[in-house]
């Protein structure tokens, strides 16, 4: 019973120490309409090589003023825990027009 408790505490600590991060920047005056477009970007080799290209300007659809948020959310961390064994990690790019 004591070993199970220690294992649970270790797992909880590991999950609590994982970091989510966010980078946000605006183009022009920033978002005005609140319309959001979201896409996942995938990397291999611990984030060194991108598997797909996410173009924030294309996601903006010709808008001149928009906000771009690139983040690794809790969902991305959970996916990364599963796919991390083969060195694949996701991040989410959100464009708000």
N, C-alpha and C. Protein backbone atom coordinates (compact mmCIF):
# COMPACT_ATOMS: atom_id res chain seq x y z
N UNK A 1 0.82 -1.19 0.00
CA UNK A 1 0.00 0.00 0.00
C UNK A 1 0.86 1.26 0.00
N UNK A 2 1.96 1.20 0.74
CA UNK A 2 2.84 2.36 0.83
C UNK A 2 3.49 2.65 -0.52
N UNK A 3 3.86 1.61 -1.26
CA UNK A 3 4.48 1.79 -2.59
C UNK A 3 3.50 2.43 -3.56
N UNK A 4 2.24 2.04 -3.48
CA UNK A 4 1.22 2.62 -4.37
C UNK A 4 1.04 4.10 -4.06
N UNK A 5 1.01 4.45 -2.78
CA UNK A 5 0.86 5.84 -2.38
C UNK A 5 2.04 6.67 -2.87
N UNK A 6 3.24 6.15 -2.73
CA UNK A 6 4.42 6.86 -3.21
C UNK A 6 4.37 7.03 -4.72
N UNK A 7 3.95 6.00 -5.44
CA UNK A 7 3.84 6.09 -6.90
C UNK A 7 2.82 7.14 -7.31
N UNK A 8 1.70 7.18 -6.64
CA UNK A 8 0.66 8.18 -6.94
C UNK A 8 1.19 9.59 -6.68
N UNK A 9 1.87 9.79 -5.57
CA UNK A 9 2.43 11.11 -5.24
C UNK A 9 3.46 11.52 -6.29
N UNK A 10 4.30 10.61 -6.73
CA UNK A 10 5.31 10.92 -7.75
C UNK A 10 4.64 11.31 -9.06
N UNK A 11 3.62 10.58 -9.47
CA UNK A 11 2.91 10.89 -10.71
C UNK A 11 2.24 12.25 -10.62
N UNK A 12 1.59 12.54 -9.51
CA UNK A 12 0.94 13.84 -9.33
C UNK A 12 1.97 14.97 -9.37
N UNK A 13 3.10 14.78 -8.72
CA UNK A 13 4.15 15.79 -8.75
C UNK A 13 4.70 15.99 -10.16
N UNK A 14 4.87 14.92 -10.90
CA UNK A 14 5.36 15.03 -12.27
C UNK A 14 4.40 15.83 -13.14
N UNK A 15 3.11 15.55 -13.00
CA UNK A 15 2.12 16.30 -13.77
C UNK A 15 2.02 17.75 -13.32
N UNK A 16 2.21 18.01 -12.05
CA UNK A 16 2.12 19.39 -11.57
C UNK A 16 3.35 20.21 -11.96
N UNK A 17 4.46 19.55 -12.24
CA UNK A 17 5.67 20.27 -12.62
C UNK A 17 5.79 20.52 -14.12
N UNK A 18 4.89 19.92 -14.90
CA UNK A 18 4.91 20.17 -16.33
C UNK A 18 4.50 21.60 -16.59
N UNK A 19 5.16 22.22 -17.56
CA UNK A 19 4.86 23.61 -17.83
C UNK A 19 4.10 23.81 -19.12
N UNK A 20 3.09 24.62 -19.02
CA UNK A 20 2.40 25.09 -20.22
C UNK A 20 2.96 26.48 -20.51
N UNK A 21 3.09 26.82 -21.76
CA UNK A 21 3.64 28.12 -22.10
C UNK A 21 2.80 28.75 -23.21
N UNK A 22 2.86 30.07 -23.31
CA UNK A 22 2.10 30.81 -24.32
C UNK A 22 2.91 31.99 -24.80
N UNK A 23 2.95 32.17 -26.13
CA UNK A 23 3.50 33.36 -26.76
C UNK A 23 2.35 34.03 -27.50
N UNK A 24 2.19 35.33 -27.28
CA UNK A 24 1.11 36.02 -27.95
C UNK A 24 1.64 37.33 -28.53
N UNK A 25 1.29 37.59 -29.77
CA UNK A 25 1.65 38.86 -30.38
C UNK A 25 0.53 39.32 -31.31
N UNK A 26 0.51 40.61 -31.57
CA UNK A 26 -0.55 41.14 -32.41
C UNK A 26 0.03 41.78 -33.66
N UNK A 27 -0.76 41.67 -34.71
CA UNK A 27 -0.40 42.26 -35.99
C UNK A 27 -1.37 43.42 -36.21
N UNK A 28 -0.83 44.57 -36.56
CA UNK A 28 -1.68 45.76 -36.70
C UNK A 28 -2.18 46.19 -35.34
N UNK A 29 -3.49 46.40 -35.25
CA UNK A 29 -4.09 46.82 -33.97
C UNK A 29 -4.59 45.64 -33.16
N UNK A 30 -4.41 44.44 -33.64
CA UNK A 30 -4.84 43.25 -32.91
C UNK A 30 -6.23 42.81 -33.30
N UNK A 31 -6.74 41.82 -32.60
CA UNK A 31 -8.04 41.22 -32.92
C UNK A 31 -9.17 42.21 -32.68
N UNK A 32 -10.17 42.17 -33.59
CA UNK A 32 -11.32 43.07 -33.45
C UNK A 32 -12.64 42.30 -33.42
N UNK A 33 -12.77 41.23 -34.21
CA UNK A 33 -14.06 40.54 -34.33
C UNK A 33 -14.20 39.37 -33.37
N UNK A 34 -13.12 38.82 -32.88
CA UNK A 34 -13.18 37.69 -31.97
C UNK A 34 -13.30 36.33 -32.65
N UNK A 35 -13.24 36.31 -33.99
CA UNK A 35 -13.31 35.05 -34.74
C UNK A 35 -11.97 34.33 -34.59
N UNK A 36 -12.00 33.06 -34.14
CA UNK A 36 -10.77 32.31 -33.89
C UNK A 36 -10.62 31.16 -34.88
N UNK A 37 -9.38 30.97 -35.33
CA UNK A 37 -9.00 29.84 -36.17
C UNK A 37 -7.82 29.17 -35.47
N UNK A 38 -7.91 27.85 -35.29
CA UNK A 38 -6.90 27.13 -34.51
C UNK A 38 -6.36 25.95 -35.31
N UNK A 39 -5.06 25.72 -35.17
CA UNK A 39 -4.43 24.60 -35.87
C UNK A 39 -3.28 24.06 -35.01
N UNK A 40 -3.08 22.74 -35.06
CA UNK A 40 -1.97 22.11 -34.33
C UNK A 40 -0.72 22.10 -35.20
N UNK A 41 0.41 22.36 -34.58
CA UNK A 41 1.69 22.23 -35.23
C UNK A 41 2.44 21.12 -34.52
N UNK A 42 3.04 20.22 -35.30
CA UNK A 42 3.70 19.03 -34.75
C UNK A 42 5.19 19.10 -35.01
N UNK A 43 5.98 18.64 -34.03
CA UNK A 43 7.43 18.61 -34.12
C UNK A 43 7.94 17.22 -33.76
N UNK A 44 9.05 16.83 -34.37
CA UNK A 44 9.73 15.59 -34.00
C UNK A 44 11.11 15.93 -33.48
N UNK A 45 11.79 14.95 -32.98
CA UNK A 45 13.13 15.09 -32.39
C UNK A 45 13.15 16.18 -31.33
N UNK A 46 12.21 16.05 -30.36
CA UNK A 46 12.12 16.95 -29.21
C UNK A 46 11.95 18.41 -29.60
N UNK A 47 11.23 18.66 -30.67
CA UNK A 47 10.92 20.02 -31.08
C UNK A 47 11.90 20.63 -32.07
N UNK A 48 12.83 19.86 -32.57
CA UNK A 48 13.83 20.40 -33.48
C UNK A 48 13.37 20.46 -34.93
N UNK A 49 12.53 19.52 -35.36
CA UNK A 49 12.14 19.42 -36.76
C UNK A 49 10.61 19.52 -36.87
N UNK A 50 10.09 20.54 -37.56
CA UNK A 50 8.64 20.64 -37.71
C UNK A 50 8.11 19.60 -38.71
N UNK A 51 6.97 18.99 -38.37
CA UNK A 51 6.35 18.03 -39.28
C UNK A 51 5.39 18.72 -40.25
N UNK A 52 4.77 19.79 -39.81
CA UNK A 52 3.88 20.55 -40.68
C UNK A 52 4.14 22.04 -40.47
N UNK A 53 3.70 22.84 -41.42
CA UNK A 53 3.90 24.28 -41.30
C UNK A 53 2.55 24.94 -41.07
N UNK A 54 2.47 25.72 -40.02
CA UNK A 54 1.26 26.49 -39.73
C UNK A 54 1.59 27.95 -40.01
N UNK A 55 0.94 28.50 -41.04
CA UNK A 55 1.16 29.88 -41.45
C UNK A 55 0.08 30.76 -40.83
N UNK A 56 0.46 31.58 -39.85
CA UNK A 56 -0.52 32.41 -39.16
C UNK A 56 -1.14 33.45 -40.09
N UNK A 57 -0.39 33.92 -41.05
CA UNK A 57 -0.93 34.89 -42.01
C UNK A 57 -2.02 34.24 -42.86
N UNK A 58 -1.81 32.98 -43.26
CA UNK A 58 -2.84 32.27 -44.02
C UNK A 58 -4.06 31.98 -43.15
N UNK A 59 -3.84 31.67 -41.87
CA UNK A 59 -4.96 31.44 -40.96
C UNK A 59 -5.78 32.72 -40.76
N UNK A 60 -5.13 33.87 -40.86
CA UNK A 60 -5.84 35.14 -40.70
C UNK A 60 -6.75 35.42 -41.88
N UNK A 61 -6.53 34.77 -43.00
CA UNK A 61 -7.42 34.90 -44.15
C UNK A 61 -7.47 36.28 -44.75
N UNK A 62 -6.36 36.95 -44.80
CA UNK A 62 -6.32 38.28 -45.42
C UNK A 62 -6.60 39.43 -44.48
N UNK A 63 -6.89 39.15 -43.23
CA UNK A 63 -7.14 40.22 -42.27
C UNK A 63 -5.84 40.98 -42.01
N UNK A 64 -5.95 42.29 -41.85
CA UNK A 64 -4.77 43.11 -41.58
C UNK A 64 -4.48 43.26 -40.09
N UNK A 65 -5.50 43.09 -39.28
CA UNK A 65 -5.36 43.21 -37.83
C UNK A 65 -5.81 41.91 -37.17
N UNK A 66 -4.89 41.25 -36.47
CA UNK A 66 -5.20 39.99 -35.82
C UNK A 66 -4.19 39.71 -34.72
N UNK A 67 -4.53 38.77 -33.87
CA UNK A 67 -3.66 38.37 -32.76
C UNK A 67 -3.30 36.89 -32.95
N UNK A 68 -2.02 36.58 -32.76
CA UNK A 68 -1.54 35.21 -32.90
C UNK A 68 -1.11 34.72 -31.52
N UNK A 69 -1.64 33.56 -31.12
CA UNK A 69 -1.25 32.95 -29.84
C UNK A 69 -0.71 31.56 -30.14
N UNK A 70 0.53 31.34 -29.79
CA UNK A 70 1.17 30.03 -29.92
C UNK A 70 1.36 29.50 -28.50
N UNK A 71 0.83 28.30 -28.27
CA UNK A 71 0.90 27.79 -26.90
C UNK A 71 1.03 26.28 -26.86
N UNK A 72 1.53 25.83 -25.74
CA UNK A 72 1.48 24.41 -25.43
C UNK A 72 0.56 24.32 -24.23
N UNK A 73 -0.67 23.91 -24.50
CA UNK A 73 -1.70 23.85 -23.47
C UNK A 73 -1.61 22.53 -22.70
N UNK A 74 -2.50 22.38 -21.73
CA UNK A 74 -2.53 21.15 -20.95
C UNK A 74 -2.81 19.94 -21.85
N UNK A 75 -3.72 20.12 -22.82
CA UNK A 75 -4.03 19.03 -23.75
C UNK A 75 -2.79 18.66 -24.57
N UNK A 76 -2.03 19.66 -25.02
CA UNK A 76 -0.80 19.39 -25.76
C UNK A 76 0.22 18.65 -24.91
N UNK A 77 0.28 19.00 -23.63
CA UNK A 77 1.21 18.31 -22.72
C UNK A 77 0.80 16.85 -22.56
N UNK A 78 -0.50 16.60 -22.41
CA UNK A 78 -0.97 15.21 -22.27
C UNK A 78 -0.67 14.42 -23.54
N UNK A 79 -0.92 15.03 -24.71
CA UNK A 79 -0.59 14.37 -25.97
C UNK A 79 0.91 14.12 -26.06
N UNK A 80 1.70 15.10 -25.63
CA UNK A 80 3.15 14.98 -25.66
C UNK A 80 3.68 13.88 -24.75
N UNK A 81 2.99 13.66 -23.62
CA UNK A 81 3.39 12.57 -22.73
C UNK A 81 3.23 11.24 -23.44
N UNK A 82 2.15 11.11 -24.19
CA UNK A 82 1.88 9.86 -24.90
C UNK A 82 2.81 9.70 -26.11
N UNK A 83 2.95 10.77 -26.92
CA UNK A 83 3.74 10.68 -28.15
C UNK A 83 5.22 10.99 -27.92
N UNK A 84 5.57 11.40 -26.72
CA UNK A 84 6.96 11.75 -26.43
C UNK A 84 7.93 10.59 -26.52
N UNK A 85 7.42 9.40 -26.40
CA UNK A 85 8.30 8.23 -26.49
C UNK A 85 8.89 8.08 -27.89
N UNK A 86 8.21 8.63 -28.89
CA UNK A 86 8.74 8.61 -30.26
C UNK A 86 9.13 10.03 -30.68
N UNK A 87 9.36 10.90 -29.72
CA UNK A 87 9.85 12.27 -29.86
C UNK A 87 8.94 13.17 -30.69
N UNK A 88 7.63 12.99 -30.60
CA UNK A 88 6.69 13.86 -31.32
C UNK A 88 5.96 14.72 -30.30
N UNK A 89 5.96 16.05 -30.53
CA UNK A 89 5.33 16.99 -29.62
C UNK A 89 4.47 17.98 -30.38
N UNK A 90 3.28 18.31 -29.85
CA UNK A 90 2.40 19.29 -30.50
C UNK A 90 2.45 20.65 -29.82
N UNK A 91 2.00 21.65 -30.57
CA UNK A 91 1.70 22.95 -29.99
C UNK A 91 0.50 23.49 -30.78
N UNK A 92 -0.22 24.43 -30.21
CA UNK A 92 -1.42 24.96 -30.81
C UNK A 92 -1.19 26.41 -31.22
N UNK A 93 -1.57 26.74 -32.46
CA UNK A 93 -1.49 28.11 -32.97
C UNK A 93 -2.93 28.60 -33.16
N UNK A 94 -3.27 29.70 -32.50
CA UNK A 94 -4.61 30.26 -32.60
C UNK A 94 -4.50 31.68 -33.15
N UNK A 95 -5.26 31.96 -34.22
CA UNK A 95 -5.31 33.30 -34.79
C UNK A 95 -6.70 33.85 -34.51
N UNK A 96 -6.75 35.00 -33.85
CA UNK A 96 -8.01 35.68 -33.56
C UNK A 96 -8.07 36.93 -34.43
N UNK A 97 -9.11 36.99 -35.25
CA UNK A 97 -9.26 38.14 -36.17
C UNK A 97 -9.98 39.29 -35.49
